[in-house]
C-alpha atoms as a PDB file:
ATOM      1  CA  MET A   1    -139.352  74.733 224.617  1.00  0.00           C
ATOM      2  CA  GLU A   2    -139.483  70.936 224.633  1.00  0.00           C
ATOM      3  CA  LYS A   3    -136.168  69.136 224.931  1.00  0.00           C
ATOM      4  CA  ARG A   4    -135.262  66.071 222.885  1.00  0.00           C
ATOM      5  CA  VAL A   5    -132.557  63.459 223.316  1.00  0.00           C
ATOM      6  CA  ALA A   6    -130.380  62.995 220.250  1.00  0.00           C
ATOM      7  CA  SER A   7    -127.167  61.362 219.152  1.00  0.00           C
ATOM      8  CA  VAL A   8    -124.985  63.408 216.803  1.00  0.00           C
ATOM      9  CA  SER A   9    -122.494  61.264 214.890  1.00  0.00           C
ATOM     10  CA  ILE A  10    -119.538  63.133 213.446  1.00  0.00           C
ATOM     11  CA  ILE A  11    -116.973  61.765 210.994  1.00  0.00           C
ATOM     12  CA  VAL A  12    -113.820  63.858 210.750  1.00  0.00           C
ATOM     13  CA  GLU A  13    -111.698  63.353 207.631  1.00  0.00           C
ATOM     14  CA  ASP A  14    -109.760  66.618 207.986  1.00  0.00           C
ATOM     15  CA  PRO A  15    -108.038  66.920 211.383  1.00  0.00           C
ATOM     16  CA  SER A  16    -107.461  70.642 210.822  1.00  0.00           C
ATOM     17  CA  SER A  17    -111.178  71.129 211.620  1.00  0.00           C
ATOM     18  CA  SER A  18    -110.728  69.817 215.176  1.00  0.00           C
ATOM     19  CA  ALA A  19    -110.460  73.224 216.844  1.00  0.00           C
ATOM     20  CA  GLU A  20    -113.634  74.427 215.122  1.00  0.00           C
ATOM     21  CA  ILE A  21    -115.469  71.215 216.086  1.00  0.00           C
ATOM     22  CA  ASN A  22    -114.496  71.677 219.722  1.00  0.00           C
ATOM     23  CA  GLY A  23    -115.561  75.321 219.595  1.00  0.00           C
ATOM     24  CA  ILE A  24    -119.005  74.449 218.239  1.00  0.00           C
ATOM     25  CA  LEU A  25    -119.475  71.706 220.823  1.00  0.00           C
ATOM     26  CA  HIS A  26    -118.351  74.080 223.580  1.00  0.00           C
ATOM     27  CA  THR A  27    -121.144  76.512 222.679  1.00  0.00           C
ATOM     28  CA  ALA A  28    -123.658  73.712 223.410  1.00  0.00           C
ATOM     29  CA  SER A  29    -121.844  72.244 226.420  1.00  0.00           C
ATOM     30  CA  GLU A  30    -124.796  72.826 228.761  1.00  0.00           C
ATOM     31  CA  TYR A  31    -126.840  70.385 226.642  1.00  0.00           C
ATOM     32  CA  ILE A  32    -124.213  67.672 226.138  1.00  0.00           C
ATOM     33  CA  VAL A  33    -124.853  64.512 228.162  1.00  0.00           C
ATOM     34  CA  GLY A  34    -121.752  62.681 226.944  1.00  0.00           C
ATOM     35  CA  ARG A  35    -119.154  62.499 224.210  1.00  0.00           C
ATOM     36  CA  MET A  36    -117.031  59.671 222.838  1.00  0.00           C
ATOM     37  CA  GLY A  37    -114.254  60.000 220.282  1.00  0.00           C
ATOM     38  CA  ILE A  38    -112.669  57.124 218.397  1.00  0.00           C
ATOM     39  CA  PRO A  39    -109.559  57.619 216.260  1.00  0.00           C
ATOM     40  CA  TYR A  40    -109.563  55.140 213.360  1.00  0.00           C
ATOM     41  CA  ARG A  41    -105.886  55.291 212.484  1.00  0.00           C
ATOM     42  CA  GLU A  42    -106.017  52.740 209.649  1.00  0.00           C
ATOM     43  CA  LYS A  43    -108.383  55.001 207.697  1.00  0.00           C
ATOM     44  CA  ASN A  44    -106.932  58.282 209.042  1.00  0.00           C
ATOM     45  CA  ILE A  45    -110.339  59.469 210.267  1.00  0.00           C
ATOM     46  CA  SER A  46    -111.951  60.122 213.633  1.00  0.00           C
ATOM     47  CA  ILE A  47    -115.486  59.317 214.725  1.00  0.00           C
ATOM     48  CA  ILE A  48    -117.113  61.392 217.455  1.00  0.00           C
ATOM     49  CA  ASN A  49    -120.500  60.652 218.989  1.00  0.00           C
ATOM     50  CA  VAL A  50    -122.210  63.316 221.086  1.00  0.00           C
ATOM     51  CA  VAL A  51    -125.402  62.720 223.075  1.00  0.00           C
ATOM     52  CA  MET A  52    -127.482  65.840 223.647  1.00  0.00           C
ATOM     53  CA  ASP A  53    -130.606  66.666 225.662  1.00  0.00           C
ATOM     54  CA  ALA A  54    -131.700  69.970 224.182  1.00  0.00           C
ATOM     55  CA  PRO A  55    -134.381  71.802 222.222  1.00  0.00           C
ATOM     56  CA  GLN A  56    -134.527  70.486 218.666  1.00  0.00           C
ATOM     57  CA  ASP A  57    -133.402  73.804 217.170  1.00  0.00           C
ATOM     58  CA  VAL A  58    -130.221  73.735 219.294  1.00  0.00           C
ATOM     59  CA  ILE A  59    -129.438  70.165 218.224  1.00  0.00           C
ATOM     60  CA  SER A  60    -130.073  70.835 214.538  1.00  0.00           C
ATOM     61  CA  GLY A  61    -128.050  74.056 214.735  1.00  0.00           C
ATOM     62  CA  VAL A  62    -125.037  72.251 216.191  1.00  0.00           C
ATOM     63  CA  SER A  63    -125.313  69.433 213.650  1.00  0.00           C
ATOM     64  CA  GLY A  64    -125.707  71.881 210.767  1.00  0.00           C
ATOM     65  CA  ARG A  65    -122.703  73.988 211.762  1.00  0.00           C
ATOM     66  CA  LEU A  66    -120.576  70.859 212.179  1.00  0.00           C
ATOM     67  CA  GLY A  67    -121.643  69.495 208.786  1.00  0.00           C
ATOM     68  CA  ARG A  68    -120.590  72.703 207.029  1.00  0.00           C
ATOM     69  CA  LEU A  69    -116.986  72.389 208.189  1.00  0.00           C
ATOM     70  CA  PRO A  70    -114.497  71.125 205.583  1.00  0.00           C
ATOM     71  CA  GLY A  71    -113.830  67.392 205.883  1.00  0.00           C
ATOM     72  CA  VAL A  72    -116.616  66.901 208.453  1.00  0.00           C
ATOM     73  CA  THR A  73    -119.874  64.952 208.122  1.00  0.00           C
ATOM     74  CA  ALA A  74    -122.536  65.126 210.847  1.00  0.00           C
ATOM     75  CA  LYS A  75    -125.810  63.193 211.129  1.00  0.00           C
ATOM     76  CA  THR A  76    -128.357  63.233 213.931  1.00  0.00           C
ATOM     77  CA  ALA A  77    -130.717  60.565 215.270  1.00  0.00           C
ATOM     78  CA  TYR A  78    -133.507  61.639 217.639  1.00  0.00           C
ATOM     79  CA  SER A  79    -135.171  59.639 220.399  1.00  0.00           C
ATOM     80  CA  LYS A  80    -138.917  59.240 220.001  1.00  0.00           C
ATOM     81  CA  LYS A  81    -139.435  60.047 223.705  1.00  0.00           C
END
């Protein structure tokens, strides 16, 4: 299956979802190139960006599971290469 490079942007408004977020990301750890988390204390949210090199169904599955968590929004941008 062809791999794609993608950036998954995650906005966390409910910190109680953190353990579930980490669990979902752990299941795809073999595909994760890098991860950056930024706590935005003034707004009481966190922003996480995850770069993946994986088959498209793996990337969309991770993004979909993250987006279904309470207080979590996830969007994905794919490289054209």
